[in-house]
Amino acid sequence: MPTKFVDGYEIEFTGEPLPGCDQWGAYVAIFGVSDNPMHLTNLYPRQRVAADVILASEAAAEQAAERAGMRILEELRAAPAKAG
């Protein structure tokens, strides 16, 4: 599973074949630091993203997942600023 590290966050993104068709799904999970150095906090549980896009290959699905992961991370980082 490809992983990208951005400012202490870990973004896992992957492309997986969808059952019953020739298309691929894009999946993302995002983790952040926690009080325990042995664990990460799951900020965005693994889920399918870009579900409205037809992805014909694993590489295309991974690229879509990476783009979505970066967008989701920006939203997560902005959320506390909105609350305060």
PDB file of N, CA and C in Angstrom:
ATOM      1  N   MET A   1       0.857  -1.173   0.000  1.00  0.00           N
ATOM      2  CA  MET A   1       0.000   0.000   0.000  1.00  0.00           C
ATOM      3  C   MET A   1       0.902   1.235   0.000  1.00  0.00           C
ATOM      4  N   PRO A   2       0.774   2.083  -1.017  1.00  0.00           N
ATOM      5  CA  PRO A   2       1.577   3.305  -1.037  1.00  0.00           C
ATOM      6  C   PRO A   2       1.230   4.205   0.144  1.00  0.00           C
ATOM      7  N   THR A   3       2.247   4.861   0.664  1.00  0.00           N
ATOM      8  CA  THR A   3       2.078   5.753   1.802  1.00  0.00           C
ATOM      9  C   THR A   3       2.801   7.055   1.529  1.00  0.00           C
ATOM     10  N   LYS A   4       2.187   8.146   1.944  1.00  0.00           N
ATOM     11  CA  LYS A   4       2.792   9.462   1.792  1.00  0.00           C
ATOM     12  C   LYS A   4       2.786  10.133   3.153  1.00  0.00           C
ATOM     13  N   PHE A   5       3.895  10.778   3.522  1.00  0.00           N
ATOM     14  CA  PHE A   5       3.991  11.486   4.796  1.00  0.00           C
ATOM     15  C   PHE A   5       4.006  12.985   4.533  1.00  0.00           C
ATOM     16  N   VAL A   6       3.092  13.704   5.200  1.00  0.00           N
ATOM     17  CA  VAL A   6       2.978  15.148   5.028  1.00  0.00           C
ATOM     18  C   VAL A   6       2.854  15.782   6.402  1.00  0.00           C
ATOM     19  N   ASP A   7       3.861  16.541   6.808  1.00  0.00           N
ATOM     20  CA  ASP A   7       3.830  17.282   8.080  1.00  0.00           C
ATOM     21  C   ASP A   7       3.367  16.436   9.261  1.00  0.00           C
ATOM     22  N   GLY A   8       3.871  15.238   9.401  1.00  0.00           N
ATOM     23  CA  GLY A   8       3.519  14.380  10.526  1.00  0.00           C
ATOM     24  C   GLY A   8       2.281  13.527  10.319  1.00  0.00           C
ATOM     25  N   TYR A   9       1.600  13.705   9.215  1.00  0.00           N
ATOM     26  CA  TYR A   9       0.435  12.881   8.887  1.00  0.00           C
ATOM     27  C   TYR A   9       0.866  11.766   7.942  1.00  0.00           C
ATOM     28  N   GLU A  10       0.213  10.634   8.061  1.00  0.00           N
ATOM     29  CA  GLU A  10       0.465   9.504   7.168  1.00  0.00           C
ATOM     30  C   GLU A  10      -0.790   9.263   6.337  1.00  0.00           C
ATOM     31  N   ILE A  11      -0.630   9.322   5.019  1.00  0.00           N
ATOM     32  CA  ILE A  11      -1.751   9.085   4.106  1.00  0.00           C
ATOM     33  C   ILE A  11      -1.489   7.764   3.394  1.00  0.00           C
ATOM     34  N   GLU A  12      -2.387   6.819   3.587  1.00  0.00           N
ATOM     35  CA  GLU A  12      -2.301   5.541   2.875  1.00  0.00           C
ATOM     36  C   GLU A  12      -3.317   5.586   1.748  1.00  0.00           C
ATOM     37  N   PHE A  13      -2.859   5.275   0.540  1.00  0.00           N
ATOM     38  CA  PHE A  13      -3.769   5.282  -0.602  1.00  0.00           C
ATOM     39  C   PHE A  13      -3.515   4.039  -1.438  1.00  0.00           C
ATOM     40  N   THR A  14      -4.585   3.518  -1.993  1.00  0.00           N
ATOM     41  CA  THR A  14      -4.457   2.297  -2.773  1.00  0.00           C
ATOM     42  C   THR A  14      -5.556   2.208  -3.819  1.00  0.00           C
ATOM     43  N   GLY A  15      -5.297   1.401  -4.829  1.00  0.00           N
ATOM     44  CA  GLY A  15      -6.295   1.060  -5.832  1.00  0.00           C
ATOM     45  C   GLY A  15      -6.597  -0.418  -5.715  1.00  0.00           C
ATOM     46  N   GLU A  16      -7.865  -0.766  -5.691  1.00  0.00           N
ATOM     47  CA  GLU A  16      -8.261  -2.171  -5.568  1.00  0.00           C
ATOM     48  C   GLU A  16      -9.336  -2.487  -6.598  1.00  0.00           C
ATOM     49  N   PRO A  17      -9.300  -3.704  -7.170  1.00  0.00           N
ATOM     50  CA  PRO A  17     -10.330  -4.068  -8.147  1.00  0.00           C
ATOM     51  C   PRO A  17     -11.698  -4.131  -7.475  1.00  0.00           C
ATOM     52  N   LEU A  18     -12.698  -3.637  -8.191  1.00  0.00           N
ATOM     53  CA  LEU A  18     -14.068  -3.678  -7.678  1.00  0.00           C
ATOM     54  C   LEU A  18     -14.705  -4.998  -8.094  1.00  0.00           C
ATOM     55  N   PRO A  19     -15.442  -5.621  -7.196  1.00  0.00           N
ATOM     56  CA  PRO A  19     -16.059  -6.908  -7.525  1.00  0.00           C
ATOM     57  C   PRO A  19     -17.109  -6.783  -8.633  1.00  0.00           C
ATOM     58  N   GLY A  20     -17.116  -7.745  -9.514  1.00  0.00           N
ATOM     59  CA  GLY A  20     -18.151  -7.830 -10.531  1.00  0.00           C
ATOM     60  C   GLY A  20     -17.973  -6.932 -11.737  1.00  0.00           C
ATOM     61  N   CYS A  21     -16.813  -6.277 -11.868  1.00  0.00           N
ATOM     62  CA  CYS A  21     -16.588  -5.417 -13.040  1.00  0.00           C
ATOM     63  C   CYS A  21     -15.084  -5.296 -13.289  1.00  0.00           C
ATOM     64  N   ASP A  22     -14.742  -4.564 -14.343  1.00  0.00           N
ATOM     65  CA  ASP A  22     -13.334  -4.379 -14.700  1.00  0.00           C
ATOM     66  C   ASP A  22     -12.780  -3.050 -14.194  1.00  0.00           C
ATOM     67  N   GLN A  23     -13.475  -2.412 -13.272  1.00  0.00           N
ATOM     68  CA  GLN A  23     -13.046  -1.110 -12.781  1.00  0.00           C
ATOM     69  C   GLN A  23     -12.305  -1.242 -11.451  1.00  0.00           C
ATOM     70  N   TRP A  24     -11.658  -0.170 -11.087  1.00  0.00           N
ATOM     71  CA  TRP A  24     -10.878  -0.121  -9.849  1.00  0.00           C
ATOM     72  C   TRP A  24     -11.452   0.927  -8.914  1.00  0.00           C
ATOM     73  N   GLY A  25     -11.303   0.695  -7.616  1.00  0.00           N
ATOM     74  CA  GLY A  25     -11.723   1.644  -6.601  1.00  0.00           C
ATOM     75  C   GLY A  25     -10.514   2.311  -5.971  1.00  0.00           C
ATOM     76  N   ALA A  26     -10.670   3.566  -5.582  1.00  0.00           N
ATOM     77  CA  ALA A  26      -9.622   4.327  -4.918  1.00  0.00           C
ATOM     78  C   ALA A  26      -9.959   4.411  -3.428  1.00  0.00           C
ATOM     79  N   TYR A  27      -8.997   4.066  -2.576  1.00  0.00           N
ATOM     80  CA  TYR A  27      -9.222   4.028  -1.127  1.00  0.00           C
ATOM     81  C   TYR A  27      -8.161   4.848  -0.405  1.00  0.00           C
ATOM     82  N   VAL A  28      -8.586   5.520   0.682  1.00  0.00           N
ATOM     83  CA  VAL A  28      -7.692   6.384   1.458  1.00  0.00           C
ATOM     84  C   VAL A  28      -7.911   6.157   2.950  1.00  0.00           C
ATOM     85  N   ALA A  29      -6.825   6.225   3.711  1.00  0.00           N
ATOM     86  CA  ALA A  29      -6.861   6.293   5.176  1.00  0.00           C
ATOM     87  C   ALA A  29      -5.828   7.338   5.590  1.00  0.00           C
ATOM     88  N   ILE A  30      -6.137   8.111   6.637  1.00  0.00           N
ATOM     89  CA  ILE A  30      -5.208   9.140   7.107  1.00  0.00           C
ATOM     90  C   ILE A  30      -5.010   8.986   8.604  1.00  0.00           C
ATOM     91  N   PHE A  31      -3.740   9.045   9.005  1.00  0.00           N
ATOM     92  CA  PHE A  31      -3.356   8.889  10.409  1.00  0.00           C
ATOM     93  C   PHE A  31      -2.545  10.099  10.850  1.00  0.00           C
ATOM     94  N   GLY A  32      -2.662  10.423  12.137  1.00  0.00           N
ATOM     95  CA  GLY A  32      -1.900  11.518  12.724  1.00  0.00           C
ATOM     96  C   GLY A  32      -1.199  11.043  13.981  1.00  0.00           C
ATOM     97  N   VAL A  33      -0.382  11.916  14.548  1.00  0.00           N
ATOM     98  CA  VAL A  33       0.362  11.564  15.749  1.00  0.00           C
ATOM     99  C   VAL A  33      -0.588  11.396  16.933  1.00  0.00           C
ATOM    100  N   SER A  34      -0.154  10.606  17.906  1.00  0.00           N
ATOM    101  CA  SER A  34      -0.941  10.404  19.123  1.00  0.00           C
ATOM    102  C   SER A  34      -0.048  10.597  20.334  1.00  0.00           C
ATOM    103  N   ASP A  35      -0.631  10.501  21.513  1.00  0.00           N
ATOM    104  CA  ASP A  35       0.143  10.613  22.747  1.00  0.00           C
ATOM    105  C   ASP A  35       1.064   9.420  22.937  1.00  0.00           C
ATOM    106  N   ASN A  36       0.725   8.297  22.343  1.00  0.00           N
ATOM    107  CA  ASN A  36       1.532   7.090  22.440  1.00  0.00           C
ATOM    108  C   ASN A  36       2.429   7.007  21.205  1.00  0.00           C
ATOM    109  N   PRO A  37       3.741   7.051  21.391  1.00  0.00           N
ATOM    110  CA  PRO A  37       4.645   7.036  20.236  1.00  0.00           C
ATOM    111  C   PRO A  37       4.610   5.725  19.445  1.00  0.00           C
ATOM    112  N   MET A  38       3.997   4.695  19.994  1.00  0.00           N
ATOM    113  CA  MET A  38       3.930   3.405  19.301  1.00  0.00           C
ATOM    114  C   MET A  38       2.702   3.298  18.395  1.00  0.00           C
ATOM    115  N   HIS A  39       1.813   4.279  18.433  1.00  0.00           N
ATOM    116  CA  HIS A  39       0.573   4.211  17.667  1.00  0.00           C
ATOM    117  C   HIS A  39       0.297   5.535  16.970  1.00  0.00           C
ATOM    118  N   LEU A  40      -0.499   5.467  15.932  1.00  0.00           N
ATOM    119  CA  LEU A  40      -0.987   6.651  15.246  1.00  0.00           C
ATOM    120  C   LEU A  40      -2.487   6.770  15.486  1.00  0.00           C
ATOM    121  N   THR A  41      -2.993   7.974  15.451  1.00  0.00           N
ATOM    122  CA  THR A  41      -4.419   8.208  15.585  1.00  0.00           C
ATOM    123  C   THR A  41      -5.059   8.117  14.202  1.00  0.00           C
ATOM    124  N   ASN A  42      -6.091   7.304  14.083  1.00  0.00           N
ATOM    125  CA  ASN A  42      -6.784   7.153  12.813  1.00  0.00           C
ATOM    126  C   ASN A  42      -7.749   8.330  12.647  1.00  0.00           C
ATOM    127  N   LEU A  43      -7.357   9.308  11.838  1.00  0.00           N
ATOM    128  CA  LEU A  43      -8.154  10.518  11.642  1.00  0.00           C
ATOM    129  C   LEU A  43      -9.219  10.346  10.563  1.00  0.00           C
ATOM    130  N   TYR A  44      -8.940   9.490   9.596  1.00  0.00           N
ATOM    131  CA  TYR A  44      -9.867   9.253   8.484  1.00  0.00           C
ATOM    132  C   TYR A  44      -9.811   7.766   8.178  1.00  0.00           C
ATOM    133  N   PRO A  45     -10.753   7.001   8.721  1.00  0.00           N
ATOM    134  CA  PRO A  45     -10.735   5.548   8.513  1.00  0.00           C
ATOM    135  C   PRO A  45     -10.766   5.205   7.025  1.00  0.00           C
ATOM    136  N   ARG A  46     -10.137   4.111   6.671  1.00  0.00           N
ATOM    137  CA  ARG A  46     -10.036   3.673   5.277  1.00  0.00           C
ATOM    138  C   ARG A  46     -11.413   3.609   4.638  1.00  0.00           C
ATOM    139  N   GLN A  47     -11.546   4.325   3.538  1.00  0.00           N
ATOM    140  CA  GLN A  47     -12.807   4.292   2.797  1.00  0.00           C
ATOM    141  C   GLN A  47     -12.572   4.631   1.336  1.00  0.00           C
ATOM    142  N   ARG A  48     -13.557   4.289   0.547  1.00  0.00           N
ATOM    143  CA  ARG A  48     -13.470   4.522  -0.885  1.00  0.00           C
ATOM    144  C   ARG A  48     -13.704   5.999  -1.176  1.00  0.00           C
ATOM    145  N   VAL A  49     -12.892   6.536  -2.061  1.00  0.00           N
ATOM    146  CA  VAL A  49     -13.021   7.918  -2.504  1.00  0.00           C
ATOM    147  C   VAL A  49     -13.128   7.914  -4.028  1.00  0.00           C
ATOM    148  N   ALA A  50     -13.480   9.014  -4.614  1.00  0.00           N
ATOM    149  CA  ALA A  50     -13.607   9.145  -6.071  1.00  0.00           C
ATOM    150  C   ALA A  50     -14.543   8.081  -6.640  1.00  0.00           C
ATOM    151  N   ALA A  51     -15.629   7.807  -5.927  1.00  0.00           N
ATOM    152  CA  ALA A  51     -16.564   6.758  -6.345  1.00  0.00           C
ATOM    153  C   ALA A  51     -17.330   7.142  -7.607  1.00  0.00           C
ATOM    154  N   ASP A  52     -17.362   8.414  -7.945  1.00  0.00           N
ATOM    155  CA  ASP A  52     -18.092   8.855  -9.130  1.00  0.00           C
ATOM    156  C   ASP A  52     -17.225   8.905 -10.388  1.00  0.00           C
ATOM    157  N   VAL A  53     -15.976   8.419 -10.277  1.00  0.00           N
ATOM    158  CA  VAL A  53     -15.034   8.434 -11.394  1.00  0.00           C
ATOM    159  C   VAL A  53     -14.770   7.003 -11.853  1.00  0.00           C
ATOM    160  N   ILE A  54     -14.767   6.787 -13.170  1.00  0.00           N
ATOM    161  CA  ILE A  54     -14.443   5.462 -13.710  1.00  0.00           C
ATOM    162  C   ILE A  54     -12.925   5.334 -13.750  1.00  0.00           C
ATOM    163  N   LEU A  55     -12.413   4.328 -13.052  1.00  0.00           N
ATOM    164  CA  LEU A  55     -10.976   4.102 -12.977  1.00  0.00           C
ATOM    165  C   LEU A  55     -10.677   2.742 -13.607  1.00  0.00           C
ATOM    166  N   ALA A  56      -9.932   2.763 -14.711  1.00  0.00           N
ATOM    167  CA  ALA A  56      -9.723   1.551 -15.502  1.00  0.00           C
ATOM    168  C   ALA A  56      -8.472   0.779 -15.119  1.00  0.00           C
ATOM    169  N   SER A  57      -7.638   1.334 -14.237  1.00  0.00           N
ATOM    170  CA  SER A  57      -6.404   0.635 -13.869  1.00  0.00           C
ATOM    171  C   SER A  57      -6.050   0.909 -12.412  1.00  0.00           C
ATOM    172  N   GLU A  58      -5.180   0.074 -11.882  1.00  0.00           N
ATOM    173  CA  GLU A  58      -4.710   0.257 -10.513  1.00  0.00           C
ATOM    174  C   GLU A  58      -3.962   1.585 -10.376  1.00  0.00           C
ATOM    175  N   ALA A  59      -3.138   1.909 -11.374  1.00  0.00           N
ATOM    176  CA  ALA A  59      -2.374   3.158 -11.325  1.00  0.00           C
ATOM    177  C   ALA A  59      -3.309   4.372 -11.300  1.00  0.00           C
ATOM    178  N   ALA A  60      -4.353   4.348 -12.115  1.00  0.00           N
ATOM    179  CA  ALA A  60      -5.310   5.461 -12.128  1.00  0.00           C
ATOM    180  C   ALA A  60      -6.021   5.571 -10.789  1.00  0.00           C
ATOM    181  N   ALA A  61      -6.368   4.441 -10.193  1.00  0.00           N
ATOM    182  CA  ALA A  61      -7.040   4.440  -8.889  1.00  0.00           C
ATOM    183  C   ALA A  61      -6.116   4.983  -7.806  1.00  0.00           C
ATOM    184  N   GLU A  62      -4.847   4.598  -7.832  1.00  0.00           N
ATOM    185  CA  GLU A  62      -3.893   5.103  -6.843  1.00  0.00           C
ATOM    186  C   GLU A  62      -3.700   6.611  -6.988  1.00  0.00           C
ATOM    187  N   GLN A  63      -3.640   7.098  -8.217  1.00  0.00           N
ATOM    188  CA  GLN A  63      -3.486   8.540  -8.435  1.00  0.00           C
ATOM    189  C   GLN A  63      -4.707   9.292  -7.930  1.00  0.00           C
ATOM    190  N   ALA A  64      -5.891   8.762  -8.200  1.00  0.00           N
ATOM    191  CA  ALA A  64      -7.125   9.397  -7.712  1.00  0.00           C
ATOM    192  C   ALA A  64      -7.159   9.386  -6.187  1.00  0.00           C
ATOM    193  N   ALA A  65      -6.737   8.283  -5.585  1.00  0.00           N
ATOM    194  CA  ALA A  65      -6.719   8.174  -4.123  1.00  0.00           C
ATOM    195  C   ALA A  65      -5.719   9.152  -3.520  1.00  0.00           C
ATOM    196  N   GLU A  66      -4.561   9.294  -4.135  1.00  0.00           N
ATOM    197  CA  GLU A  66      -3.564  10.224  -3.615  1.00  0.00           C
ATOM    198  C   GLU A  66      -4.077  11.666  -3.685  1.00  0.00           C
ATOM    199  N   ARG A  67      -4.676  12.039  -4.797  1.00  0.00           N
ATOM    200  CA  ARG A  67      -5.239  13.396  -4.925  1.00  0.00           C
ATOM    201  C   ARG A  67      -6.334  13.623  -3.878  1.00  0.00           C
ATOM    202  N   ALA A  68      -7.222  12.646  -3.726  1.00  0.00           N
ATOM    203  CA  ALA A  68      -8.303  12.769  -2.745  1.00  0.00           C
ATOM    204  C   ALA A  68      -7.736  12.833  -1.330  1.00  0.00           C
ATOM    205  N   GLY A  69      -6.724  12.029  -1.044  1.00  0.00           N
ATOM    206  CA  GLY A  69      -6.108  12.025   0.281  1.00  0.00           C
ATOM    207  C   GLY A  69      -5.529  13.377   0.648  1.00  0.00           C
ATOM    208  N   MET A  70      -4.882  14.027  -0.314  1.00  0.00           N
ATOM    209  CA  MET A  70      -4.324  15.356  -0.047  1.00  0.00           C
ATOM    210  C   MET A  70      -5.437  16.374   0.202  1.00  0.00           C
ATOM    211  N   ARG A  71      -6.512  16.283  -0.556  1.00  0.00           N
ATOM    212  CA  ARG A  71      -7.651  17.193  -0.378  1.00  0.00           C
ATOM    213  C   ARG A  71      -8.311  16.961   0.987  1.00  0.00           C
ATOM    214  N   ILE A  72      -8.487  15.701   1.356  1.00  0.00           N
ATOM    215  CA  ILE A  72      -9.098  15.366   2.651  1.00  0.00           C
ATOM    216  C   ILE A  72      -8.218  15.843   3.794  1.00  0.00           C
ATOM    217  N   LEU A  73      -6.903  15.672   3.660  1.00  0.00           N
ATOM    218  CA  LEU A  73      -5.985  16.133   4.700  1.00  0.00           C
ATOM    219  C   LEU A  73      -6.107  17.639   4.889  1.00  0.00           C
ATOM    220  N   GLU A  74      -6.194  18.383   3.809  1.00  0.00           N
ATOM    221  CA  GLU A  74      -6.352  19.840   3.928  1.00  0.00           C
ATOM    222  C   GLU A  74      -7.648  20.186   4.658  1.00  0.00           C
ATOM    223  N   GLU A  75      -8.710  19.441   4.383  1.00  0.00           N
ATOM    224  CA  GLU A  75      -9.982  19.676   5.079  1.00  0.00           C
ATOM    225  C   GLU A  75      -9.858  19.347   6.566  1.00  0.00           C
ATOM    226  N   LEU A  76      -9.167  18.254   6.885  1.00  0.00           N
ATOM    227  CA  LEU A  76      -8.982  17.872   8.293  1.00  0.00           C
ATOM    228  C   LEU A  76      -8.151  18.924   9.033  1.00  0.00           C
ATOM    229  N   ARG A  77      -7.136  19.441   8.369  1.00  0.00           N
ATOM    230  CA  ARG A  77      -6.269  20.433   8.995  1.00  0.00           C
ATOM    231  C   ARG A  77      -7.003  21.759   9.195  1.00  0.00           C
ATOM    232  N   ALA A  78      -7.937  22.072   8.320  1.00  0.00           N
ATOM    233  CA  ALA A  78      -8.675  23.332   8.416  1.00  0.00           C
ATOM    234  C   ALA A  78      -9.819  23.245   9.429  1.00  0.00           C
ATOM    235  N   ALA A  79     -10.303  22.046   9.733  1.00  0.00           N
ATOM    236  CA  ALA A  79     -11.461  21.882  10.614  1.00  0.00           C
ATOM    237  C   ALA A  79     -11.260  22.535  11.991  1.00  0.00           C
ATOM    238  N   PRO A  80     -10.143  22.340  12.691  1.00  0.00           N
ATOM    239  CA  PRO A  80      -9.997  22.989  14.013  1.00  0.00           C
ATOM    240  C   PRO A  80     -10.002  24.511  13.919  1.00  0.00           C
ATOM    241  N   ALA A  81      -9.475  25.058  12.833  1.00  0.00           N
ATOM    242  CA  ALA A  81      -9.458  26.509  12.683  1.00  0.00           C
ATOM    243  C   ALA A  81     -10.872  27.066  12.554  1.00  0.00           C
ATOM    244  N   LYS A  82     -11.742  26.317  11.910  1.00  0.00           N
ATOM    245  CA  LYS A  82     -13.131  26.754  11.760  1.00  0.00           C
ATOM    246  C   LYS A  82     -13.869  26.728  13.102  1.00  0.00           C
ATOM    247  N   ALA A  83     -13.554  25.729  13.927  1.00  0.00           N
ATOM    248  CA  ALA A  83     -14.242  25.583  15.215  1.00  0.00           C
ATOM    249  C   ALA A  83     -13.816  26.675  16.187  1.00  0.00           C
ATOM    250  N   GLY A  84     -12.570  27.171  16.062  1.00  0.00           N
ATOM    251  CA  GLY A  84     -12.048  28.135  17.025  1.00  0.00           C
ATOM    252  C   GLY A  84     -12.302  29.495  16.650  1.00  0.00           C
TER     253      GLY A  84
END
